Amino acid sequence: MIPVVGYEGKRVAVLGLGRSGLTCARALRAGGAIPVCWDDNEPARSMAEDEGFEVADLNKDRAWEGIEVLVTSPGIPHLYPAPHPIIRKAWDMGAVVDNDIGLFFRSYGTRAWDDFEVLPRVICVTGSNGKSTTTALIEHILRAAGRPVQMGGNIGRGALDLDPAAEGQITILELSSYQTELARSLAPDIALFMNLSPDHLDRHGGLGGYFAAKRRLFIEGCPDRSIIGVDEMEGAFLAGLLQDRGDSGEPVIRISSGTKLKTGWSVFARKGFLAEWRKGRQVASIDLRDMQGLPGAHNHQNACAAYAACRSIGLAPRLVEEHLRSYPGLPHRCQIIAQKHGVIYVNDSKATNADAAEKSLLAFKNIHWIAGGQAKAGGITALEPILERVKKAYFIGETAAEFVKQVGNLPNTISGTIEQAVADAAAEAQAGDVVLLAPACASFDQFTSFEARGDAFAAAVAALSSQ
């Protein structure tokens, strides 16, 4: 755990007592602060009380005596579509509002760093899609190369639950727009912007607000090196803004999946090959086509981003290539989970919007597609140009009937549940086909999380062998 500094003896309000909220309270207490906790759910408040934390209703003025700071969990809206009432109360009381990422950067650097021969570094990964895979891929490569490394943030352990800085340690944080938008301190050494597609638009007041939340990591965080996906105009714009910033002399590495780049330092993937260009010449090339843990063009973009990060750390191209090959992939992210009677079953439950589903569909052919759930803005109409890759669709959840209307003449059926969809697809799939779960929807109509949905898919596939 990283003790939070700067609040010794002070009362600090904590709103939201889920994973990150309770971790914040513990880290504040470890640093000598007095957390004052609140959650709208009584069971969460009881858990905090069981750990000995003070619990007070932050809706009431008297609870704010002596409090100058409110730390809020990322899932709680602080601006759009409307601020949580307690965040409004913080403004009224003159308290500043922060989150666990702001506290991490406030507290990670300590006087102990004066004794380090090799300073710790922080790598941050943000974007719409591919953040988790890229974060885990960087961690895998660095660990396999013998570097001291840990990862957390929006994946695995919360930022404040990570270990304090150690000699030469590399900390990799996956950061969502919810986290970057509010953090009062941002100071990555290396920051990655993967891509941008419409998501969480209600939370950010539109696409511009969503991009602005991501952009803060770079403009206010001032990393020494920025690795920027330039396949969308927002990334190209951001790379241009950052071109003259940083102390490295090469502050930006541009990355792409599908476009040949020769400007400055660049890493791109085309036709299954990764290429690194630097100072007008190619310095490395890697064949990605047979890497089972990284199928499809979207994973090739993830490979480019991870490669660029590891090169920034100083790893040689062949060492990076070696460990790219051993990467097993993340659960629920284009994960091949079984092959039965020549049919491949792929779990991409993390494909929670149309853009992510598109990348998954483009990674395979002869697809029996399982999709649906809780609707995201825009539905799946944007996928129409690539639906020739799909033999048949099997729709589940709240959006099933609406998705039928959006796919035109594509053969489809309303299966309703994951279990029925797997059974329906398995009955029709032939050797050489792929049964793909890429929902293009949130999971909360039928499941508690995308992980639970992916687990249900895997269980249904496993059950096929007994039928």
Protein backbone atom coordinates (compact mmCIF):
# COMPACT_ATOMS: atom_id res chain seq x y z
CA MET A 1 0.00 0.00 0.00
CA ILE A 2 1.11 3.57 -0.75
CA PRO A 3 0.46 5.83 2.28
CA VAL A 4 -1.11 9.11 1.21
CA VAL A 5 1.05 12.10 2.20
CA GLY A 6 0.14 15.68 2.92
CA TYR A 7 -2.93 15.13 5.09
CA GLU A 8 -1.40 14.08 8.40
CA GLY A 9 -3.85 14.75 11.22
CA LYS A 10 -6.48 16.13 8.83
CA ARG A 11 -9.99 14.88 8.22
CA VAL A 12 -10.48 13.77 4.61
CA ALA A 13 -13.90 12.81 3.24
CA VAL A 14 -14.16 9.62 1.16
CA LEU A 15 -17.23 9.13 -1.04
CA GLY A 16 -17.87 5.63 -2.40
CA LEU A 17 -16.65 2.59 -0.52
CA GLY A 18 -16.13 0.05 -3.25
CA ARG A 19 -12.71 -1.36 -4.15
CA SER A 20 -10.99 1.97 -4.81
CA GLY A 21 -12.83 3.86 -2.06
CA LEU A 22 -11.92 1.51 0.77
CA THR A 23 -8.36 1.33 -0.52
CA CYS A 24 -8.23 5.16 -0.45
CA ALA A 25 -9.46 5.18 3.13
CA ARG A 26 -6.81 2.67 4.16
CA ALA A 27 -4.04 4.58 2.36
CA LEU A 28 -5.16 7.86 3.93
CA ARG A 29 -5.12 6.28 7.38
CA ALA A 30 -1.70 4.75 6.71
CA GLY A 31 -0.42 8.27 5.95
CA GLY A 32 -1.82 9.72 9.18
CA ALA A 33 -5.04 11.25 7.86
CA ILE A 34 -8.47 10.73 9.44
CA PRO A 35 -10.84 9.37 6.75
CA VAL A 36 -14.52 10.28 7.07
CA CYS A 37 -16.37 7.77 4.92
CA TRP A 38 -19.75 7.63 3.23
CA ASP A 39 -21.52 5.45 0.68
CA ASP A 40 -25.15 5.58 -0.39
CA ASN A 41 -25.39 1.81 0.25
CA GLU A 42 -25.69 0.66 3.84
CA PRO A 43 -23.73 -2.64 3.38
CA ALA A 44 -20.72 -0.65 2.11
CA ARG A 45 -20.93 1.65 5.13
CA SER A 46 -21.03 -1.38 7.42
CA MET A 47 -17.85 -2.75 5.84
CA ALA A 48 -16.08 0.54 6.54
CA GLU A 49 -17.29 0.57 10.13
CA ASP A 50 -16.04 -3.01 10.57
CA GLU A 51 -12.56 -1.73 9.64
CA GLY A 52 -12.79 0.99 12.25
CA PHE A 53 -13.37 3.93 9.91
CA GLU A 54 -15.50 6.89 10.91
CA VAL A 55 -18.72 6.89 8.88
CA ALA A 56 -20.69 10.13 8.61
CA ASP A 57 -23.52 11.24 6.34
CA LEU A 58 -21.77 13.69 4.02
CA ASN A 59 -25.14 15.01 2.88
CA LYS A 60 -25.31 16.89 6.19
CA ASP A 61 -23.41 20.11 6.88
CA ARG A 62 -22.22 19.04 10.33
CA ALA A 63 -20.24 16.12 8.85
CA TRP A 64 -17.97 18.60 7.02
CA GLU A 65 -16.42 20.19 10.08
CA GLY A 66 -12.64 20.37 9.52
CA ILE A 67 -12.84 18.72 6.06
CA GLU A 68 -11.09 20.45 3.15
CA VAL A 69 -10.79 17.54 0.71
CA LEU A 70 -13.26 15.03 -0.74
CA VAL A 71 -11.89 11.90 -2.43
CA THR A 72 -14.49 10.33 -4.71
CA SER A 73 -14.64 6.96 -6.45
CA PRO A 74 -14.35 7.08 -10.27
CA GLY A 75 -17.82 5.67 -10.89
CA ILE A 76 -19.54 8.60 -9.17
CA PRO A 77 -20.42 11.45 -11.60
CA HIS A 78 -18.97 14.80 -10.65
CA LEU A 79 -20.15 16.94 -13.58
CA TYR A 80 -22.25 15.20 -16.25
CA PRO A 81 -24.99 14.12 -16.54
CA ALA A 82 -25.34 15.72 -13.08
CA PRO A 83 -22.98 15.95 -10.10
CA HIS A 84 -23.64 13.65 -7.18
CA PRO A 85 -25.29 15.67 -4.38
CA ILE A 86 -22.30 15.15 -2.08
CA ILE A 87 -19.92 16.53 -4.70
CA ARG A 88 -22.15 19.60 -4.93
CA LYS A 89 -21.98 19.77 -1.14
CA ALA A 90 -18.16 19.69 -1.31
CA TRP A 91 -18.20 22.68 -3.65
CA ASP A 92 -20.56 24.53 -1.32
CA MET A 93 -18.27 23.77 1.62
CA GLY A 94 -15.18 24.96 -0.25
CA ALA A 95 -13.58 21.51 -0.32
CA VAL A 96 -11.45 20.36 -3.25
CA VAL A 97 -12.41 17.12 -5.01
CA ASP A 98 -9.83 14.49 -5.96
CA ASN A 99 -9.62 10.76 -6.66
CA ASP A 100 -7.27 7.86 -6.00
CA ILE A 101 -5.10 8.62 -9.05
CA GLY A 102 -4.52 12.16 -7.84
CA LEU A 103 -3.57 10.80 -4.41
CA PHE A 104 -1.24 8.24 -6.02
CA PHE A 105 0.77 10.85 -7.89
CA ARG A 106 0.77 13.09 -4.84
CA SER A 107 2.23 10.31 -2.70
CA TYR A 108 4.32 8.00 -4.92
CA GLY A 109 7.48 10.12 -4.90
CA THR A 110 9.11 10.33 -1.46
CA ARG A 111 12.43 11.35 0.09
CA ALA A 112 13.53 7.72 -0.21
CA TRP A 113 14.04 8.41 -3.92
CA ASP A 114 17.16 10.41 -3.01
CA ASP A 115 18.87 7.09 -2.22
CA PHE A 116 17.87 5.31 -5.45
CA GLU A 117 20.55 4.85 -8.10
CA VAL A 118 17.86 4.01 -10.68
CA LEU A 119 14.71 6.06 -10.25
CA PRO A 120 11.29 4.41 -10.42
CA ARG A 121 9.14 5.21 -13.42
CA VAL A 122 5.40 5.30 -14.08
CA ILE A 123 3.79 4.30 -17.37
CA CYS A 124 0.13 5.24 -17.88
CA VAL A 125 -2.16 3.77 -20.54
CA THR A 126 -5.44 5.37 -21.62
CA GLY A 127 -7.79 5.29 -24.63
CA SER A 128 -11.15 3.80 -25.55
CA ASN A 129 -10.14 0.25 -26.43
CA GLY A 130 -7.11 -1.94 -25.80
CA LYS A 131 -6.02 -0.34 -22.50
CA SER A 132 -6.12 -3.51 -20.43
CA THR A 133 -4.41 -5.71 -23.00
CA THR A 134 -1.69 -3.13 -23.58
CA THR A 135 -1.13 -2.62 -19.85
CA ALA A 136 -0.89 -6.37 -19.24
CA LEU A 137 1.32 -6.83 -22.32
CA ILE A 138 3.81 -4.19 -21.16
CA GLU A 139 3.87 -5.79 -17.70
CA HIS A 140 4.42 -9.24 -19.22
CA ILE A 141 7.31 -8.10 -21.44
CA LEU A 142 9.09 -6.15 -18.71
CA ARG A 143 8.67 -8.89 -16.13
CA ALA A 144 9.94 -11.53 -18.56
CA ALA A 145 12.92 -9.27 -19.29
CA GLY A 146 13.78 -9.24 -15.58
CA ARG A 147 12.65 -5.69 -14.77
CA PRO A 148 10.98 -4.97 -11.41
CA VAL A 149 7.40 -4.16 -12.39
CA GLN A 150 3.86 -3.89 -11.06
CA MET A 151 0.55 -2.91 -12.63
CA GLY A 152 -2.77 -1.60 -11.41
CA GLY A 153 -5.22 1.26 -11.63
CA ASN A 154 -8.21 0.22 -13.70
CA ILE A 155 -6.86 -3.34 -13.92
CA GLY A 156 -5.95 -5.64 -11.05
CA ARG A 157 -4.96 -3.74 -7.92
CA GLY A 158 -6.08 -0.19 -7.21
CA ALA A 159 -3.39 2.45 -7.64
CA LEU A 160 -2.99 3.06 -3.89
CA ASP A 161 -2.97 -0.68 -3.21
CA LEU A 162 0.28 -1.05 -5.16
CA ASP A 163 3.66 -1.32 -3.47
CA PRO A 164 5.62 1.83 -2.59
CA ALA A 165 8.33 2.81 -5.05
CA ALA A 166 11.49 0.71 -5.07
CA GLU A 167 14.85 0.91 -6.82
CA GLY A 168 14.30 0.92 -10.60
CA GLN A 169 10.69 -0.19 -10.27
CA ILE A 170 8.32 0.36 -13.20
CA THR A 171 4.66 0.90 -12.33
CA ILE A 172 2.11 0.58 -15.13
CA LEU A 173 -1.33 2.12 -14.62
CA GLU A 174 -4.35 1.57 -16.81
CA LEU A 175 -6.41 4.76 -16.52
CA SER A 176 -10.00 5.33 -17.59
CA SER A 177 -11.43 8.69 -18.57
CA TYR A 178 -13.24 8.73 -15.22
CA GLN A 179 -9.86 8.64 -13.48
CA THR A 180 -7.92 11.08 -15.67
CA GLU A 181 -10.72 13.66 -15.76
CA LEU A 182 -10.68 14.46 -12.05
CA ALA A 183 -7.18 13.62 -10.74
CA ARG A 184 -5.59 16.80 -9.35
CA SER A 185 -2.07 15.39 -9.81
CA LEU A 186 -0.89 13.62 -12.98
CA ALA A 187 2.82 12.97 -13.54
CA PRO A 188 3.55 9.92 -15.72
CA ASP A 189 7.02 9.38 -17.12
CA ILE A 190 5.58 7.66 -20.20
CA ALA A 191 1.93 8.00 -21.28
CA LEU A 192 0.06 6.07 -23.98
CA PHE A 193 -3.04 7.17 -25.89
CA MET A 194 -4.42 4.15 -27.71
CA ASN A 195 -7.44 5.41 -29.67
CA LEU A 196 -10.76 7.20 -29.29
CA SER A 197 -14.28 6.02 -30.09
CA PRO A 198 -17.65 7.18 -28.71
CA ASP A 199 -18.15 5.84 -25.19
CA HIS A 200 -19.30 7.20 -21.82
CA LEU A 201 -20.66 10.23 -23.64
CA ASP A 202 -23.33 10.97 -21.04
CA ARG A 203 -20.64 11.04 -18.35
CA HIS A 204 -18.47 13.53 -20.25
CA GLY A 205 -21.08 15.71 -21.94
CA GLY A 206 -20.23 14.43 -25.44
CA LEU A 207 -17.23 13.26 -27.45
CA GLY A 208 -15.32 16.50 -26.92
CA GLY A 209 -15.56 16.15 -23.16
CA TYR A 210 -14.52 12.50 -23.40
CA PHE A 211 -11.41 13.42 -25.40
CA ALA A 212 -10.64 16.28 -23.01
CA ALA A 213 -10.66 13.82 -20.10
CA LYS A 214 -8.09 11.63 -21.88
CA ARG A 215 -6.06 14.62 -23.03
CA ARG A 216 -5.43 15.81 -19.45
CA LEU A 217 -2.99 12.94 -18.90
CA PHE A 218 -0.72 14.43 -21.57
CA ILE A 219 -1.28 18.18 -21.41
CA GLU A 220 -1.34 18.45 -17.62
CA GLY A 221 0.69 15.31 -16.89
CA CYS A 222 3.63 16.44 -19.09
CA PRO A 223 5.17 12.99 -19.66
CA ASP A 224 8.75 12.80 -20.91
CA ARG A 225 7.49 10.55 -23.71
CA SER A 226 4.02 10.23 -25.20
CA ILE A 227 3.03 7.22 -27.31
CA ILE A 228 0.05 8.26 -29.41
CA GLY A 229 -2.25 6.23 -31.64
CA VAL A 230 -2.85 8.42 -34.68
CA ASP A 231 -5.49 6.40 -36.54
CA GLU A 232 -8.19 8.86 -35.41
CA MET A 233 -8.03 12.63 -35.85
CA GLU A 234 -7.95 13.19 -32.08
CA GLY A 235 -4.75 11.18 -31.77
CA ALA A 236 -3.14 12.96 -34.71
CA PHE A 237 -4.09 16.29 -33.15
CA LEU A 238 -2.69 15.29 -29.77
CA ALA A 239 0.59 14.05 -31.27
CA GLY A 240 1.03 17.42 -32.96
CA LEU A 241 0.42 19.28 -29.71
CA LEU A 242 3.04 17.22 -27.90
CA GLN A 243 5.71 17.18 -30.58
CA ASP A 244 7.93 19.83 -28.96
CA ARG A 245 7.36 18.81 -25.33
CA GLY A 246 9.41 16.58 -23.06
CA ASP A 247 13.08 16.30 -22.18
CA SER A 248 13.95 13.26 -24.29
CA GLY A 249 14.51 15.00 -27.62
CA GLU A 250 11.96 12.56 -29.09
CA PRO A 251 8.87 13.30 -26.99
CA VAL A 252 6.34 11.52 -29.24
CA ILE A 253 6.19 8.03 -30.71
CA ARG A 254 3.32 7.73 -33.18
CA ILE A 255 1.67 4.31 -33.52
CA SER A 256 -0.82 2.94 -36.04
CA SER A 257 -2.56 -0.23 -37.08
CA GLY A 258 -2.85 -0.17 -40.84
CA THR A 259 -1.05 3.05 -41.81
CA LYS A 260 2.62 3.26 -42.75
CA LEU A 261 4.29 5.98 -40.67
CA LYS A 262 7.70 7.52 -41.32
CA THR A 263 7.45 10.74 -39.32
CA GLY A 264 9.90 11.00 -36.45
CA TRP A 265 9.87 7.93 -34.21
CA SER A 266 7.00 5.67 -35.21
CA VAL A 267 5.78 2.11 -34.75
CA PHE A 268 3.07 0.68 -37.00
CA ALA A 269 1.57 -2.64 -38.05
CA ARG A 270 0.53 -3.51 -41.60
CA LYS A 271 -0.44 -6.90 -43.03
CA GLY A 272 0.58 -8.63 -39.81
CA PHE A 273 4.05 -7.09 -39.51
CA LEU A 274 5.19 -4.55 -36.92
CA ALA A 275 7.78 -2.02 -38.05
CA GLU A 276 9.75 0.56 -36.10
CA TRP A 277 11.01 3.63 -37.92
CA ARG A 278 13.37 6.15 -36.42
CA LYS A 279 15.20 9.08 -38.00
CA GLY A 280 13.97 8.17 -41.47
CA ARG A 281 14.90 4.49 -41.50
CA GLN A 282 13.45 1.19 -40.41
CA VAL A 283 15.24 -0.22 -37.37
CA ALA A 284 13.15 -3.31 -36.59
CA SER A 285 10.45 -5.59 -37.99
CA ILE A 286 8.41 -8.29 -36.23
CA ASP A 287 6.01 -10.88 -37.71
CA LEU A 288 2.87 -10.80 -35.53
CA ARG A 289 0.76 -13.19 -37.59
CA ASP A 290 1.36 -16.37 -35.60
CA MET A 291 1.11 -14.82 -32.12
CA GLN A 292 -1.97 -16.56 -30.69
CA GLY A 293 -2.23 -14.20 -27.74
CA LEU A 294 -2.57 -11.20 -30.09
CA PRO A 295 -5.09 -12.03 -32.85
CA GLY A 296 -6.42 -9.35 -35.18
CA ALA A 297 -5.48 -5.83 -36.23
CA HIS A 298 -6.67 -4.30 -32.96
CA ASN A 299 -4.24 -6.50 -31.02
CA HIS A 300 -1.54 -5.52 -33.47
CA GLN A 301 -2.15 -1.91 -32.39
CA ASN A 302 -1.81 -3.08 -28.78
CA ALA A 303 1.47 -4.77 -29.72
CA CYS A 304 2.73 -1.54 -31.32
CA ALA A 305 1.89 0.44 -28.18
CA ALA A 306 3.55 -2.07 -25.85
CA TYR A 307 6.57 -2.33 -28.13
CA ALA A 308 6.96 1.47 -28.13
CA ALA A 309 6.70 1.62 -24.32
CA CYS A 310 9.30 -1.09 -23.85
CA ARG A 311 11.64 0.53 -26.36
CA SER A 312 11.27 3.77 -24.38
CA ILE A 313 12.40 1.85 -21.29
CA GLY A 314 15.48 0.70 -23.23
CA LEU A 315 14.67 -2.89 -24.25
CA ALA A 316 16.16 -4.18 -27.50
CA PRO A 317 13.75 -5.05 -30.35
CA ARG A 318 14.56 -8.77 -30.34
CA LEU A 319 14.01 -9.00 -26.60
CA VAL A 320 10.61 -7.35 -26.99
CA GLU A 321 9.74 -9.71 -29.83
CA GLU A 322 10.69 -12.76 -27.77
CA HIS A 323 8.32 -11.82 -24.98
CA LEU A 324 5.52 -10.70 -27.29
CA ARG A 325 5.46 -14.29 -28.52
CA SER A 326 4.98 -15.70 -25.03
CA TYR A 327 2.08 -13.41 -24.11
CA PRO A 328 -0.96 -15.61 -23.29
CA GLY A 329 -3.66 -12.92 -23.67
CA LEU A 330 -6.14 -11.54 -21.14
CA PRO A 331 -9.38 -13.24 -20.16
CA HIS A 332 -12.49 -11.87 -21.89
CA ARG A 333 -10.49 -10.00 -24.53
CA CYS A 334 -10.49 -11.85 -27.86
CA GLN A 335 -9.61 -14.95 -25.86
CA ILE A 336 -9.67 -18.30 -27.66
CA ILE A 337 -11.17 -20.57 -25.01
CA ALA A 338 -11.88 -23.82 -26.87
CA GLN A 339 -11.86 -25.67 -30.15
CA LYS A 340 -14.54 -28.34 -30.58
CA HIS A 341 -15.12 -30.33 -33.75
CA GLY A 342 -13.06 -27.82 -35.71
CA VAL A 343 -15.03 -24.82 -34.40
CA ILE A 344 -13.12 -22.12 -32.49
CA TYR A 345 -14.87 -20.41 -29.55
CA VAL A 346 -13.72 -16.86 -28.75
CA ASN A 347 -14.63 -14.87 -25.62
CA ASP A 348 -14.48 -11.10 -26.23
CA SER A 349 -16.97 -10.10 -23.55
CA LYS A 350 -14.93 -6.90 -23.04
CA ALA A 351 -16.15 -5.71 -26.46
CA THR A 352 -18.77 -3.51 -24.81
CA ASN A 353 -19.28 -1.04 -27.67
CA ALA A 354 -19.62 -1.22 -31.44
CA ASP A 355 -16.06 -0.05 -32.08
CA ALA A 356 -14.60 -2.83 -29.93
CA ALA A 357 -16.92 -5.39 -31.52
CA GLU A 358 -15.82 -4.23 -34.97
CA LYS A 359 -12.20 -4.94 -34.12
CA SER A 360 -13.15 -8.40 -32.90
CA LEU A 361 -15.22 -9.16 -36.01
CA LEU A 362 -12.34 -8.08 -38.23
CA ALA A 363 -10.02 -10.55 -36.49
CA PHE A 364 -11.94 -13.64 -37.72
CA LYS A 365 -13.97 -15.03 -40.61
CA ASN A 366 -16.92 -17.43 -40.88
CA ILE A 367 -18.35 -16.04 -37.66
CA HIS A 368 -21.35 -17.09 -35.61
CA TRP A 369 -21.75 -13.87 -33.66
CA ILE A 370 -23.27 -13.61 -30.18
CA ALA A 371 -24.19 -10.01 -29.37
CA GLY A 372 -26.52 -7.94 -27.23
CA GLY A 373 -27.04 -6.76 -23.69
CA GLN A 374 -27.57 -3.28 -22.27
CA ALA A 375 -27.59 -0.77 -25.11
CA LYS A 376 -24.78 1.64 -25.90
CA ALA A 377 -25.33 4.81 -27.94
CA GLY A 378 -25.54 4.15 -31.67
CA GLY A 379 -26.23 0.42 -31.45
CA ILE A 380 -24.54 -1.70 -34.12
CA THR A 381 -25.59 0.07 -37.32
CA ALA A 382 -21.97 1.13 -37.92
CA LEU A 383 -20.98 -2.54 -38.28
CA GLU A 384 -23.07 -3.11 -41.42
CA PRO A 385 -20.07 -2.87 -43.84
CA ILE A 386 -18.29 -5.83 -42.23
CA LEU A 387 -21.24 -8.13 -41.57
CA GLU A 388 -20.36 -10.25 -44.61
CA ARG A 389 -17.83 -11.87 -42.26
CA VAL A 390 -20.77 -13.16 -40.16
CA LYS A 391 -22.67 -16.30 -41.11
CA LYS A 392 -25.35 -15.78 -38.48
CA ALA A 393 -26.02 -13.62 -35.41
CA TYR A 394 -27.49 -14.79 -32.10
CA PHE A 395 -28.88 -11.93 -30.04
CA ILE A 396 -29.24 -11.82 -26.26
CA GLY A 397 -30.41 -9.42 -23.58
CA GLU A 398 -32.35 -6.15 -23.70
CA THR A 399 -31.19 -5.13 -27.17
CA ALA A 400 -32.03 -8.37 -28.96
CA ALA A 401 -35.16 -7.17 -30.77
CA GLU A 402 -33.57 -3.84 -31.67
CA PHE A 403 -30.43 -5.52 -33.02
CA VAL A 404 -32.58 -7.65 -35.33
CA LYS A 405 -33.77 -4.40 -36.95
CA GLN A 406 -30.20 -3.07 -37.28
CA VAL A 407 -28.60 -5.98 -39.16
CA GLY A 408 -30.78 -5.95 -42.27
CA ASN A 409 -30.72 -9.27 -44.15
CA LEU A 410 -28.10 -10.92 -41.96
CA PRO A 411 -29.41 -14.33 -40.81
CA ASN A 412 -30.16 -14.09 -37.10
CA THR A 413 -32.14 -15.45 -34.21
CA ILE A 414 -33.11 -14.14 -30.79
CA SER A 415 -31.55 -16.60 -28.37
CA GLY A 416 -32.20 -14.48 -25.29
CA THR A 417 -29.51 -15.91 -23.02
CA ILE A 418 -25.83 -16.68 -23.36
CA GLU A 419 -26.47 -20.37 -22.71
CA GLN A 420 -29.08 -20.61 -25.47
CA ALA A 421 -26.95 -18.56 -27.86
CA VAL A 422 -23.99 -20.91 -27.41
CA ALA A 423 -26.22 -23.94 -27.92
CA ASP A 424 -27.82 -22.39 -31.04
CA ALA A 425 -24.46 -21.39 -32.53
CA ALA A 426 -22.84 -24.74 -31.79
CA ALA A 427 -25.70 -26.55 -33.51
CA GLU A 428 -25.13 -24.61 -36.74
CA ALA A 429 -21.35 -24.02 -36.80
CA GLN A 430 -19.16 -26.18 -39.02
CA ALA A 431 -15.46 -26.99 -38.96
CA GLY A 432 -13.50 -23.84 -39.77
CA ASP A 433 -16.14 -21.55 -38.26
CA VAL A 434 -15.75 -19.27 -35.23
CA VAL A 435 -18.33 -18.76 -32.47
CA LEU A 436 -17.59 -15.26 -31.20
CA LEU A 437 -18.97 -13.47 -28.16
CA ALA A 438 -18.52 -9.76 -28.98
CA PRO A 439 -21.61 -8.18 -27.40
CA ALA A 440 -21.22 -4.49 -28.44
CA CYS A 441 -23.18 -3.79 -25.26
CA ALA A 442 -22.79 -3.37 -21.54
CA SER A 443 -23.54 -6.47 -19.47
CA PHE A 444 -25.67 -5.07 -16.68
CA ASP A 445 -29.06 -6.24 -17.97
CA GLN A 446 -28.17 -9.87 -17.24
CA PHE A 447 -24.79 -9.86 -15.48
CA THR A 448 -22.91 -7.97 -12.80
CA SER A 449 -19.92 -7.33 -15.08
CA PHE A 450 -18.41 -8.18 -18.44
CA GLU A 451 -16.26 -10.72 -16.59
CA ALA A 452 -19.37 -12.52 -15.33
CA ARG A 453 -20.79 -12.53 -18.86
CA GLY A 454 -17.55 -13.98 -20.25
CA ASP A 455 -17.47 -16.62 -17.53
CA ALA A 456 -21.03 -17.62 -18.41
CA PHE A 457 -20.01 -17.94 -22.07
CA ALA A 458 -17.01 -20.09 -21.14
CA ALA A 459 -19.16 -22.29 -18.90
CA ALA A 460 -21.71 -22.77 -21.68
CA VAL A 461 -18.95 -23.71 -24.13
CA ALA A 462 -17.45 -26.15 -21.62
CA ALA A 463 -20.86 -27.73 -21.13
CA LEU A 464 -21.10 -28.56 -24.85
CA SER A 465 -18.77 -31.51 -24.43
CA SER A 466 -21.30 -33.21 -22.17
CA GLN A 467 -24.24 -32.76 -24.55
